[in-house]
Structures are given as structure tokens and as C-alpha cells.
Amino acid sequence: MILKKKFVKREIGGDCILVPVGQVKFNGIITLNNIASFIWENYEKAKDEDELLGFILDEYEVERDVAKADLDEFLDILRKNEIV
């Protein structure tokens, strides 16, 4: 899977955030919790959302439906901001 816009993940003041790079027009800030940070780091490694969900389930002790809901919520944020 490919990201449409360039962002980098940075830790600032104890918070993990996505920072736009280059000529990206973006008004706002995206703060990442642990699972969102993990999704961000593995997004382009996954061939599809099912594989990304598998990565989450391998990494965290979480129920599949909870992991799927977290994944969907974060990907919705990225889609609304045209990042993916």
C-alpha cells in the first residue's frame, strides 16, 4: 500500500505526531497513539488491509474485532486527509 502525501513521524514533547514534509497542504495535526504509530510504520510494508491487520494481531494481544475497529478508525482519518 502506498501513501499519497509525505509525512514523517516525530516525537515532540512526549507525543508522537505526523509532520507534513515538503509542499504538502495540511491544516492540523495528527497525534498517534501506540497502535496508530504501529500502523503508520507498517502501512507500506503491507500488501493490503488484511495483511496490516495481521501485523497488528501478531504484535499486540488484542481481539480481532477491536484491532479491526482501531485500524479502520485510523485509516478513515488518513483517507479523509487524503494521505492514503
Foldseek 3Di string as FASTA:
>chain_A
DDWPFDWDWDQDPNWIWTHGDDPDDDPDIGTDDPLLVLCVVCVVVDPDVVVSLVVVVVVDVDDSVVSVVVSVVSVVVCVVSRGD
